[in-house]
Amino acid sequence: MRALLFALPLLLATPALADETTGTVIAFDRAARVIVLDDKTIWPLGEATETSPDLVAGDVVKIIYVGGGDAGVDKITSVMRVGG
C-alpha cells in the first residue's frame, strides 16, 4: 500500500503522449471544423486546434492528437501540411 501511495504522484505527473496520423484531405468544412481523410476517417477540430489557413482538399496532412484510450481521440492539437 505504501508503494502505491509513493508511485501515485509519479503516475499523475506523467504527461499525456501524443499520437499522430497522416493522410490526404478529401474534405475540409471550415464552418463545422471537420476534416475527412482519404481513409474515410472524420476528424472534428476544436477551436484551439492549430490548422493552416489555406488547407484544402488534396493536401497531405499530419494530425497530432492525444488519445483517449477506449474512448478514441481526446483532443486534436494540430493539423500540419506535409511536404511541399
C-alpha atoms as a PDB file:
ATOM      1  CA  MET A   1       0.000   0.000   0.000  1.00  0.00           C
ATOM      2  CA  ARG A   2       2.822   2.384   0.869  1.00  0.00           C
ATOM      3  CA  ALA A   3       4.477   1.739  -2.515  1.00  0.00           C
ATOM      4  CA  LEU A   4       1.220   2.578  -4.275  1.00  0.00           C
ATOM      5  CA  LEU A   5       0.948   5.885  -2.422  1.00  0.00           C
ATOM      6  CA  PHE A   6       4.543   6.670  -3.349  1.00  0.00           C
ATOM      7  CA  ALA A   7       4.011   5.828  -7.043  1.00  0.00           C
ATOM      8  CA  LEU A   8       0.713   7.701  -7.439  1.00  0.00           C
ATOM      9  CA  PRO A   9       2.254  11.203  -7.760  1.00  0.00           C
ATOM     10  CA  LEU A  10       4.681   9.879 -10.383  1.00  0.00           C
ATOM     11  CA  LEU A  11       1.829   8.461 -12.419  1.00  0.00           C
ATOM     12  CA  LEU A  12      -0.152  11.672 -12.201  1.00  0.00           C
ATOM     13  CA  ALA A  13       2.846  13.753 -13.250  1.00  0.00           C
ATOM     14  CA  THR A  14       3.418  11.726 -16.430  1.00  0.00           C
ATOM     15  CA  PRO A  15       2.467  13.860 -19.439  1.00  0.00           C
ATOM     16  CA  ALA A  16      -0.020  12.565 -21.977  1.00  0.00           C
ATOM     17  CA  LEU A  17       1.715  11.175 -25.019  1.00  0.00           C
ATOM     18  CA  ALA A  18       0.647  12.484 -28.393  1.00  0.00           C
ATOM     19  CA  ASP A  19      -0.232  10.212 -31.285  1.00  0.00           C
ATOM     20  CA  GLU A  20      -0.232  11.109 -34.945  1.00  0.00           C
ATOM     21  CA  THR A  21      -1.668  10.037 -38.257  1.00  0.00           C
ATOM     22  CA  THR A  22      -1.169  11.167 -41.831  1.00  0.00           C
ATOM     23  CA  GLY A  23      -3.470  11.188 -44.826  1.00  0.00           C
ATOM     24  CA  THR A  24      -4.814  13.130 -47.756  1.00  0.00           C
ATOM     25  CA  VAL A  25      -7.638  15.564 -47.098  1.00  0.00           C
ATOM     26  CA  ILE A  26     -10.714  14.748 -49.191  1.00  0.00           C
ATOM     27  CA  ALA A  27     -12.930  17.324 -47.476  1.00  0.00           C
ATOM     28  CA  PHE A  28     -12.450  20.219 -45.063  1.00  0.00           C
ATOM     29  CA  ASP A  29     -15.507  22.046 -43.724  1.00  0.00           C
ATOM     30  CA  ARG A  30     -14.193  25.259 -42.176  1.00  0.00           C
ATOM     31  CA  ALA A  31     -17.541  26.252 -40.653  1.00  0.00           C
ATOM     32  CA  ALA A  32     -18.111  22.880 -38.953  1.00  0.00           C
ATOM     33  CA  ARG A  33     -14.337  22.467 -38.327  1.00  0.00           C
ATOM     34  CA  VAL A  34     -14.243  18.898 -39.636  1.00  0.00           C
ATOM     35  CA  ILE A  35     -11.616  17.177 -41.791  1.00  0.00           C
ATOM     36  CA  VAL A  36     -12.239  13.951 -43.704  1.00  0.00           C
ATOM     37  CA  LEU A  37      -9.186  11.963 -44.804  1.00  0.00           C
ATOM     38  CA  ASP A  38      -8.836   9.556 -47.721  1.00  0.00           C
ATOM     39  CA  ASP A  39      -9.203   6.565 -45.363  1.00  0.00           C
ATOM     40  CA  LYS A  40     -12.719   7.918 -44.583  1.00  0.00           C
ATOM     41  CA  THR A  41     -11.844   8.917 -41.013  1.00  0.00           C
ATOM     42  CA  ILE A  42     -13.593  12.037 -39.738  1.00  0.00           C
ATOM     43  CA  TRP A  43     -11.577  14.411 -37.526  1.00  0.00           C
ATOM     44  CA  PRO A  44     -13.583  17.059 -35.638  1.00  0.00           C
ATOM     45  CA  LEU A  45     -11.363  20.021 -34.763  1.00  0.00           C
ATOM     46  CA  GLY A  46     -11.681  22.054 -31.595  1.00  0.00           C
ATOM     47  CA  GLU A  47     -11.473  25.836 -31.533  1.00  0.00           C
ATOM     48  CA  ALA A  48      -7.906  25.640 -30.199  1.00  0.00           C
ATOM     49  CA  THR A  49      -6.678  23.199 -32.874  1.00  0.00           C
ATOM     50  CA  GLU A  50      -3.904  24.727 -34.986  1.00  0.00           C
ATOM     51  CA  THR A  51      -4.585  24.463 -38.733  1.00  0.00           C
ATOM     52  CA  SER A  52      -3.148  26.050 -41.823  1.00  0.00           C
ATOM     53  CA  PRO A  53      -5.395  28.896 -43.015  1.00  0.00           C
ATOM     54  CA  ASP A  54      -5.112  27.731 -46.648  1.00  0.00           C
ATOM     55  CA  LEU A  55      -5.722  24.000 -46.074  1.00  0.00           C
ATOM     56  CA  VAL A  56      -7.673  22.449 -48.974  1.00  0.00           C
ATOM     57  CA  ALA A  57      -8.773  19.074 -50.287  1.00  0.00           C
ATOM     58  CA  GLY A  58      -5.835  17.197 -51.790  1.00  0.00           C
ATOM     59  CA  ASP A  59      -3.323  18.364 -49.166  1.00  0.00           C
ATOM     60  CA  VAL A  60      -1.375  15.665 -47.347  1.00  0.00           C
ATOM     61  CA  VAL A  61      -1.512  16.379 -43.623  1.00  0.00           C
ATOM     62  CA  LYS A  62      -0.189  15.108 -40.317  1.00  0.00           C
ATOM     63  CA  ILE A  63      -2.740  15.192 -37.495  1.00  0.00           C
ATOM     64  CA  ILE A  64      -1.318  15.246 -33.966  1.00  0.00           C
ATOM     65  CA  TYR A  65      -3.737  14.218 -31.238  1.00  0.00           C
ATOM     66  CA  VAL A  66      -3.971  12.945 -27.682  1.00  0.00           C
ATOM     67  CA  GLY A  67      -5.526   9.510 -27.489  1.00  0.00           C
ATOM     68  CA  GLY A  68      -8.426   8.941 -25.155  1.00  0.00           C
ATOM     69  CA  GLY A  69      -7.906   5.209 -24.613  1.00  0.00           C
ATOM     70  CA  ASP A  70     -11.051   3.220 -25.339  1.00  0.00           C
ATOM     71  CA  ALA A  71     -12.925   6.469 -25.961  1.00  0.00           C
ATOM     72  CA  GLY A  72     -10.860   7.174 -29.112  1.00  0.00           C
ATOM     73  CA  VAL A  73      -9.402  10.665 -29.520  1.00  0.00           C
ATOM     74  CA  ASP A  74      -9.331  13.023 -26.555  1.00  0.00           C
ATOM     75  CA  LYS A  75      -8.051  16.183 -28.284  1.00  0.00           C
ATOM     76  CA  ILE A  76      -6.577  17.104 -31.677  1.00  0.00           C
ATOM     77  CA  THR A  77      -3.728  19.520 -31.102  1.00  0.00           C
ATOM     78  CA  SER A  78      -2.634  20.361 -34.654  1.00  0.00           C
ATOM     79  CA  VAL A  79      -3.073  19.664 -38.348  1.00  0.00           C
ATOM     80  CA  MET A  80       0.078  20.302 -40.370  1.00  0.00           C
ATOM     81  CA  ARG A  81       0.604  20.109 -44.120  1.00  0.00           C
ATOM     82  CA  VAL A  82       3.279  17.518 -45.001  1.00  0.00           C
ATOM     83  CA  GLY A  83       5.757  18.051 -47.836  1.00  0.00           C
ATOM     84  CA  GLY A  84       5.883  20.818 -50.417  1.00  0.00           C
END
